[in-house]
C-alpha atoms as a PDB file:
ATOM      1  CA  UNK A   1      92.909  47.652 133.886  1.00  0.00           C
ATOM      2  CA  UNK A   2      92.132  46.452 130.361  1.00  0.00           C
ATOM      3  CA  UNK A   3      92.952  48.865 127.571  1.00  0.00           C
ATOM      4  CA  UNK A   4      90.449  49.079 124.746  1.00  0.00           C
ATOM      5  CA  UNK A   5      90.443  50.491 121.246  1.00  0.00           C
ATOM      6  CA  UNK A   6      89.566  54.179 121.084  1.00  0.00           C
ATOM      7  CA  UNK A   7      87.815  55.708 118.051  1.00  0.00           C
ATOM      8  CA  UNK A   8      87.865  59.433 117.420  1.00  0.00           C
ATOM      9  CA  UNK A   9      85.299  60.850 115.007  1.00  0.00           C
ATOM     10  CA  UNK A  10      87.129  63.238 112.682  1.00  0.00           C
ATOM     11  CA  UNK A  11      84.211  64.001 110.351  1.00  0.00           C
ATOM     12  CA  UNK A  12      84.841  67.741 110.557  1.00  0.00           C
ATOM     13  CA  UNK A  13      88.628  67.339 110.404  1.00  0.00           C
ATOM     14  CA  UNK A  14      89.911  66.086 107.078  1.00  0.00           C
ATOM     15  CA  UNK A  15      93.438  64.769 107.642  1.00  0.00           C
ATOM     16  CA  UNK A  16      95.366  64.457 104.421  1.00  0.00           C
ATOM     17  CA  UNK A  17      97.441  61.326 103.885  1.00  0.00           C
ATOM     18  CA  UNK A  18     100.590  63.319 104.659  1.00  0.00           C
ATOM     19  CA  UNK A  19      99.085  64.751 107.862  1.00  0.00           C
ATOM     20  CA  UNK A  20      98.045  61.273 108.997  1.00  0.00           C
ATOM     21  CA  UNK A  21     101.539  59.986 108.247  1.00  0.00           C
ATOM     22  CA  UNK A  22     103.093  62.848 110.258  1.00  0.00           C
ATOM     23  CA  UNK A  23     100.673  62.247 113.151  1.00  0.00           C
ATOM     24  CA  UNK A  24     101.859  58.630 113.274  1.00  0.00           C
ATOM     25  CA  UNK A  25     105.531  59.623 113.006  1.00  0.00           C
ATOM     26  CA  UNK A  26     105.197  62.238 115.761  1.00  0.00           C
ATOM     27  CA  UNK A  27     103.477  59.775 118.121  1.00  0.00           C
ATOM     28  CA  UNK A  28     105.401  56.560 117.569  1.00  0.00           C
ATOM     29  CA  UNK A  29     104.430  55.207 120.996  1.00  0.00           C
ATOM     30  CA  UNK A  30     100.802  54.985 119.769  1.00  0.00           C
ATOM     31  CA  UNK A  31      99.390  52.730 117.064  1.00  0.00           C
ATOM     32  CA  UNK A  32      96.974  54.640 114.816  1.00  0.00           C
ATOM     33  CA  UNK A  33      94.637  53.409 112.120  1.00  0.00           C
ATOM     34  CA  UNK A  34      91.863  55.101 110.121  1.00  0.00           C
ATOM     35  CA  UNK A  35      88.789  53.282 108.919  1.00  0.00           C
ATOM     36  CA  UNK A  36      87.033  53.977 105.616  1.00  0.00           C
ATOM     37  CA  UNK A  37      84.652  56.383 107.424  1.00  0.00           C
ATOM     38  CA  UNK A  38      87.631  58.550 108.407  1.00  0.00           C
ATOM     39  CA  UNK A  39      87.513  57.710 112.108  1.00  0.00           C
ATOM     40  CA  UNK A  40      90.902  57.781 113.826  1.00  0.00           C
ATOM     41  CA  UNK A  41      91.489  54.568 115.780  1.00  0.00           C
ATOM     42  CA  UNK A  42      94.045  54.299 118.573  1.00  0.00           C
ATOM     43  CA  UNK A  43      94.979  50.645 119.043  1.00  0.00           C
ATOM     44  CA  UNK A  44      96.047  49.447 122.496  1.00  0.00           C
ATOM     45  CA  UNK A  45      99.171  47.331 122.863  1.00  0.00           C
ATOM     46  CA  UNK A  46      98.699  43.579 123.187  1.00  0.00           C
ATOM     47  CA  UNK A  47      99.819  41.413 126.079  1.00  0.00           C
ATOM     48  CA  UNK A  48     102.539  38.790 126.087  1.00  0.00           C
ATOM     49  CA  UNK A  49     100.399  35.823 125.002  1.00  0.00           C
ATOM     50  CA  UNK A  50      98.907  37.652 122.018  1.00  0.00           C
ATOM     51  CA  UNK A  51     102.287  39.103 121.049  1.00  0.00           C
ATOM     52  CA  UNK A  52     103.870  35.656 121.126  1.00  0.00           C
ATOM     53  CA  UNK A  53     101.066  34.096 119.067  1.00  0.00           C
ATOM     54  CA  UNK A  54     101.249  36.922 116.553  1.00  0.00           C
ATOM     55  CA  UNK A  55     105.025  36.488 116.220  1.00  0.00           C
ATOM     56  CA  UNK A  56     104.634  32.746 115.616  1.00  0.00           C
ATOM     57  CA  UNK A  57     102.068  33.384 112.864  1.00  0.00           C
ATOM     58  CA  UNK A  58     104.333  35.932 111.156  1.00  0.00           C
ATOM     59  CA  UNK A  59     107.255  33.490 111.373  1.00  0.00           C
ATOM     60  CA  UNK A  60     105.182  30.736 109.726  1.00  0.00           C
ATOM     61  CA  UNK A  61     104.069  33.063 106.920  1.00  0.00           C
ATOM     62  CA  UNK A  62     107.582  34.483 106.526  1.00  0.00           C
ATOM     63  CA  UNK A  63     109.215  31.043 106.385  1.00  0.00           C
ATOM     64  CA  UNK A  64     106.793  29.943 103.656  1.00  0.00           C
ATOM     65  CA  UNK A  65     107.506  33.156 101.748  1.00  0.00           C
ATOM     66  CA  UNK A  66     111.284  32.719 102.039  1.00  0.00           C
ATOM     67  CA  UNK A  67     110.970  29.268 100.492  1.00  0.00           C
ATOM     68  CA  UNK A  68     108.631  30.312  97.671  1.00  0.00           C
ATOM     69  CA  UNK A  69     109.872  33.895  97.141  1.00  0.00           C
ATOM     70  CA  UNK A  70     106.449  34.732  95.747  1.00  0.00           C
ATOM     71  CA  UNK A  71     106.015  38.023  97.594  1.00  0.00           C
ATOM     72  CA  UNK A  72     106.601  40.059 100.730  1.00  0.00           C
ATOM     73  CA  UNK A  73     105.477  39.530 104.329  1.00  0.00           C
ATOM     74  CA  UNK A  74     104.568  42.410 106.659  1.00  0.00           C
ATOM     75  CA  UNK A  75     104.140  42.791 110.419  1.00  0.00           C
ATOM     76  CA  UNK A  76     101.491  44.646 112.405  1.00  0.00           C
ATOM     77  CA  UNK A  77     103.702  47.741 112.390  1.00  0.00           C
ATOM     78  CA  UNK A  78     102.940  48.312 108.693  1.00  0.00           C
ATOM     79  CA  UNK A  79     100.121  50.703 107.810  1.00  0.00           C
ATOM     80  CA  UNK A  80      98.569  50.160 104.377  1.00  0.00           C
ATOM     81  CA  UNK A  81      96.735  52.987 102.607  1.00  0.00           C
ATOM     82  CA  UNK A  82      93.775  51.060 101.206  1.00  0.00           C
ATOM     83  CA  UNK A  83      91.879  52.062  98.047  1.00  0.00           C
ATOM     84  CA  UNK A  84      88.699  52.606 100.121  1.00  0.00           C
ATOM     85  CA  UNK A  85      90.403  55.419 102.052  1.00  0.00           C
ATOM     86  CA  UNK A  86      91.252  53.425 105.173  1.00  0.00           C
ATOM     87  CA  UNK A  87      94.724  53.199 106.715  1.00  0.00           C
ATOM     88  CA  UNK A  88      94.969  49.747 108.304  1.00  0.00           C
ATOM     89  CA  UNK A  89      97.552  47.589 110.069  1.00  0.00           C
ATOM     90  CA  UNK A  90      96.759  43.868 109.958  1.00  0.00           C
ATOM     91  CA  UNK A  91      98.593  41.644 112.429  1.00  0.00           C
ATOM     92  CA  UNK A  92     100.256  39.973 109.433  1.00  0.00           C
ATOM     93  CA  UNK A  93      99.975  40.645 105.713  1.00  0.00           C
ATOM     94  CA  UNK A  94     101.367  39.386 102.439  1.00  0.00           C
ATOM     95  CA  UNK A  95     101.607  40.946  98.961  1.00  0.00           C
ATOM     96  CA  UNK A  96     102.541  39.236  95.698  1.00  0.00           C
ATOM     97  CA  UNK A  97     106.012  40.193  94.503  1.00  0.00           C
ATOM     98  CA  UNK A  98     104.978  41.858  91.219  1.00  0.00           C
ATOM     99  CA  UNK A  99     102.331  44.005  92.933  1.00  0.00           C
ATOM    100  CA  UNK A 100     104.768  45.226  95.615  1.00  0.00           C
ATOM    101  CA  UNK A 101     107.569  45.867  93.150  1.00  0.00           C
ATOM    102  CA  UNK A 102     105.215  47.955  90.978  1.00  0.00           C
ATOM    103  CA  UNK A 103     105.133  50.577  93.777  1.00  0.00           C
ATOM    104  CA  UNK A 104     107.636  53.413  93.675  1.00  0.00           C
ATOM    105  CA  UNK A 105     110.398  53.543  96.323  1.00  0.00           C
ATOM    106  CA  UNK A 106     108.617  56.526  97.930  1.00  0.00           C
ATOM    107  CA  UNK A 107     105.339  54.569  98.123  1.00  0.00           C
ATOM    108  CA  UNK A 108     107.135  51.647  99.781  1.00  0.00           C
ATOM    109  CA  UNK A 109     108.842  53.916 102.361  1.00  0.00           C
ATOM    110  CA  UNK A 110     105.688  55.536 103.734  1.00  0.00           C
ATOM    111  CA  UNK A 111     102.279  53.905 104.087  1.00  0.00           C
ATOM    112  CA  UNK A 112     102.067  51.791 100.924  1.00  0.00           C
ATOM    113  CA  UNK A 113      98.975  52.616  98.844  1.00  0.00           C
ATOM    114  CA  UNK A 114      98.002  49.009  98.253  1.00  0.00           C
ATOM    115  CA  UNK A 115      95.648  46.387  99.623  1.00  0.00           C
ATOM    116  CA  UNK A 116      97.505  43.235 100.650  1.00  0.00           C
ATOM    117  CA  UNK A 117      96.573  39.995  98.916  1.00  0.00           C
ATOM    118  CA  UNK A 118      96.325  38.283 102.324  1.00  0.00           C
ATOM    119  CA  UNK A 119      95.697  39.569 105.848  1.00  0.00           C
ATOM    120  CA  UNK A 120      95.612  37.900 109.217  1.00  0.00           C
ATOM    121  CA  UNK A 121      94.074  39.302 112.386  1.00  0.00           C
ATOM    122  CA  UNK A 122      94.557  37.638 115.768  1.00  0.00           C
ATOM    123  CA  UNK A 123      91.956  38.647 118.335  1.00  0.00           C
ATOM    124  CA  UNK A 124      93.605  39.685 121.590  1.00  0.00           C
ATOM    125  CA  UNK A 125      91.920  40.033 124.979  1.00  0.00           C
ATOM    126  CA  UNK A 126      91.430  43.764 124.319  1.00  0.00           C
ATOM    127  CA  UNK A 127      89.802  43.348 120.877  1.00  0.00           C
ATOM    128  CA  UNK A 128      86.067  43.617 120.304  1.00  0.00           C
ATOM    129  CA  UNK A 129      85.011  40.824 117.931  1.00  0.00           C
ATOM    130  CA  UNK A 130      82.463  42.865 115.964  1.00  0.00           C
ATOM    131  CA  UNK A 131      85.044  45.630 115.423  1.00  0.00           C
ATOM    132  CA  UNK A 132      87.506  43.074 114.003  1.00  0.00           C
ATOM    133  CA  UNK A 133      84.791  41.563 111.804  1.00  0.00           C
ATOM    134  CA  UNK A 134      84.024  45.039 110.409  1.00  0.00           C
ATOM    135  CA  UNK A 135      87.751  45.492 109.766  1.00  0.00           C
ATOM    136  CA  UNK A 136      87.888  42.187 107.873  1.00  0.00           C
ATOM    137  CA  UNK A 137      84.950  43.245 105.680  1.00  0.00           C
ATOM    138  CA  UNK A 138      86.714  46.555 105.067  1.00  0.00           C
ATOM    139  CA  UNK A 139      89.769  44.607 103.868  1.00  0.00           C
ATOM    140  CA  UNK A 140      87.613  42.674 101.383  1.00  0.00           C
ATOM    141  CA  UNK A 141      86.006  45.919 100.220  1.00  0.00           C
ATOM    142  CA  UNK A 142      89.523  47.235  99.557  1.00  0.00           C
ATOM    143  CA  UNK A 143      90.436  44.209  97.418  1.00  0.00           C
ATOM    144  CA  UNK A 144      92.092  41.779  99.851  1.00  0.00           C
ATOM    145  CA  UNK A 145      91.610  38.288  98.416  1.00  0.00           C
ATOM    146  CA  UNK A 146      91.966  36.139 101.567  1.00  0.00           C
ATOM    147  CA  UNK A 147      91.808  36.929 105.264  1.00  0.00           C
ATOM    148  CA  UNK A 148      91.873  34.932 108.467  1.00  0.00           C
ATOM    149  CA  UNK A 149      90.445  36.198 111.751  1.00  0.00           C
ATOM    150  CA  UNK A 150      91.726  33.938 114.522  1.00  0.00           C
ATOM    151  CA  UNK A 151      89.555  34.106 117.626  1.00  0.00           C
ATOM    152  CA  UNK A 152      91.154  32.203 120.539  1.00  0.00           C
ATOM    153  CA  UNK A 153      88.475  33.371 122.968  1.00  0.00           C
ATOM    154  CA  UNK A 154      85.783  31.404 121.124  1.00  0.00           C
ATOM    155  CA  UNK A 155      88.177  28.771 119.724  1.00  0.00           C
ATOM    156  CA  UNK A 156      87.246  29.688 116.151  1.00  0.00           C
ATOM    157  CA  UNK A 157      88.700  31.094 112.968  1.00  0.00           C
ATOM    158  CA  UNK A 158      86.751  33.077 110.389  1.00  0.00           C
ATOM    159  CA  UNK A 159      87.890  32.797 106.774  1.00  0.00           C
ATOM    160  CA  UNK A 160      87.186  35.772 104.535  1.00  0.00           C
ATOM    161  CA  UNK A 161      87.382  35.356 100.764  1.00  0.00           C
ATOM    162  CA  UNK A 162      86.713  38.015  98.164  1.00  0.00           C
ATOM    163  CA  UNK A 163      83.187  37.555  96.775  1.00  0.00           C
ATOM    164  CA  UNK A 164      82.229  34.713  99.149  1.00  0.00           C
ATOM    165  CA  UNK A 165      80.395  34.241 102.437  1.00  0.00           C
ATOM    166  CA  UNK A 166      82.489  34.089 105.605  1.00  0.00           C
ATOM    167  CA  UNK A 167      83.409  30.545 106.642  1.00  0.00           C
ATOM    168  CA  UNK A 168      83.675  29.809 110.382  1.00  0.00           C
ATOM    169  CA  UNK A 169      85.698  26.840 111.651  1.00  0.00           C
ATOM    170  CA  UNK A 170      86.259  25.561 115.151  1.00  0.00           C
ATOM    171  CA  UNK A 171      89.781  25.057 116.459  1.00  0.00           C
ATOM    172  CA  UNK A 172      91.835  22.983 116.004  1.00  0.00           C
ATOM    173  CA  UNK A 173      91.895  23.217 112.230  1.00  0.00           C
ATOM    174  CA  UNK A 174      94.287  23.490 109.320  1.00  0.00           C
ATOM    175  CA  UNK A 175      94.089  26.546 107.103  1.00  0.00           C
ATOM    176  CA  UNK A 176      95.267  26.462 103.515  1.00  0.00           C
ATOM    177  CA  UNK A 177      96.547  29.444 101.561  1.00  0.00           C
ATOM    178  CA  UNK A 178      94.461  28.370  98.571  1.00  0.00           C
ATOM    179  CA  UNK A 179      95.386  30.126  95.310  1.00  0.00           C
ATOM    180  CA  UNK A 180      96.467  33.295  97.168  1.00  0.00           C
ATOM    181  CA  UNK A 181      99.283  31.641  99.166  1.00  0.00           C
ATOM    182  CA  UNK A 182      99.931  28.478  97.129  1.00  0.00           C
ATOM    183  CA  UNK A 183     101.304  25.633  99.223  1.00  0.00           C
ATOM    184  CA  UNK A 184     100.951  27.494 102.534  1.00  0.00           C
ATOM    185  CA  UNK A 185      99.224  25.669 105.368  1.00  0.00           C
ATOM    186  CA  UNK A 186      98.791  26.673 108.959  1.00  0.00           C
ATOM    187  CA  UNK A 187      97.825  24.217 111.689  1.00  0.00           C
ATOM    188  CA  UNK A 188      95.907  25.977 114.414  1.00  0.00           C
ATOM    189  CA  UNK A 189      95.749  24.015 117.622  1.00  0.00           C
ATOM    190  CA  UNK A 190      93.626  25.070 120.536  1.00  0.00           C
ATOM    191  CA  UNK A 191      94.990  28.337 121.829  1.00  0.00           C
END
């Protein structure tokens, strides 16, 4: 049995940010997100291969960040309260140091009200590609500067840049962090 993402339309139920936070805290075994339309999204867990790939990507980003100390790296367990009203959890994210440190301690403890500078999504076997592509566009709408959608099923990666058309590359390829993640490179071999 393959688990899929479940969307609940909450148009008539207006969850406050605090209520959404409490819903997540009271149901820690579930991964919740909210899109900019206010739909509640229940994310299925990923399998071993996707979890391992995701961990490797976070390690690569984290190692680069430890060397440069330019910002902070976040895992898929982090929910960001985006300026467009969405509450999203990218598989990996990064925020410049001065932007993160400008948040109050309370803002950092809960769901930080900030759009990451960089996000990475890794498509798992349970992910619908068009749903992930919509999520990537939502990130850009919220102010994310650079995003990578890695799609092992089609052996491609989609590169999202603020104010630019989406670039699609076939795997294997090398991705550069450009001016968002200066000096960061990621070699993607065939998954």
